[in-house]
């Protein structure tokens, strides 16, 4: 019986030699079938294990399985080498002219809201601002209390705020969809040390819906916390931002006294416009017959109580904040007249107002390219 046992070492040597001389993937696959296929020589040896006695199987089994593993590893290694050779040959024979335009332009479009967010990030990054984000599901403290919004303020009412049920409370606090992106300012002031310069773009939610309001909309908040900050810094920042965003130097801003719980003093910011073909165009002389003022921003100096709520000393640290609707900025700059169309999912609208994926906002080429 011993004389009939195959010489596993010789078989291994022969198969390894066949693998090494395989000139291509087809030849290598033929070796694989011969050795490890359904009727292969190694497969045949594995089938003989069932006819052996337990003692013989204990001796021969590891040898045959070891042979099978060695041949399989050798085939895989040779296959990788052949594939690498094929790829190298293909790369050496093919050329690609990167200066040529693509054969087919991308079919997708960038939504105007996404485009304006990129424009805002580009403008404020040049002014030294970072982009900050926060959760869209907020607790009462971050959304209202820390921002000095009284318990009786109308903004807390059920008809204006999307509250979650009592079972969704966190540490006894009501939870809600955030009504503004101002909670990001609180989270930043409580987690980072001043000086702070951030903008916080993102989704916000309020129970409202008409041609200029939707239950979900986009806002951007700006915050600066530093020493010796005053209204002059706020005015310069907003003038620089609005001129860069609308890409006009004849921008005129008007600051009107207002009230926000989280800023003191507070100011509404109007921008001058002129009429062209019956449409409002941002820029020009608002005092002329075809001109006027349009509100675009809310702003002010950060209230001392807000700074104190974030465990900062308001005698050492001062700051300003501002906020506006991103959707409204897009409407003013790119000529949309109905906010609801932003979220209808109408492909005709997005093809008309959407932006090419290659239109990346830059200050050098123009943010509204």
Foldseek 3Di string as FASTA:
>chain_A
DVVPDDDLVVVLVVLLVQLVPQPAPVSLVVSCCCDPNPPHPLVVVVVCLVVDDPVVNVVVVVSSVVSVVVSVVSSVVSNVVRVVVVVVVVVVVDDDDPVDDDPDADPDFAFLLNLLVLLLCQLVVVVVAAEFEDDQKDWCCLQAVLLQHDPPHPCPDVQWWAWDDPVPHDPNTTITGRAARSSRVLVCLLPDPDQHWYKYKDKGATNDDDQVDDRIFIKIKIKGKAFPDDVVVVVVVVLSSVCQLLVHPQKDKDWAFDDDSFAPRKTWIKIKWFDDPNDTATGDDQVDPRMHIDTFKIKHKGDQSSSVSSVHHCVGMIMMMMMGTSLVSSCRRQPDRGSVVSPPPDPVVCVVRTHRPPLRAHSVVGSVD
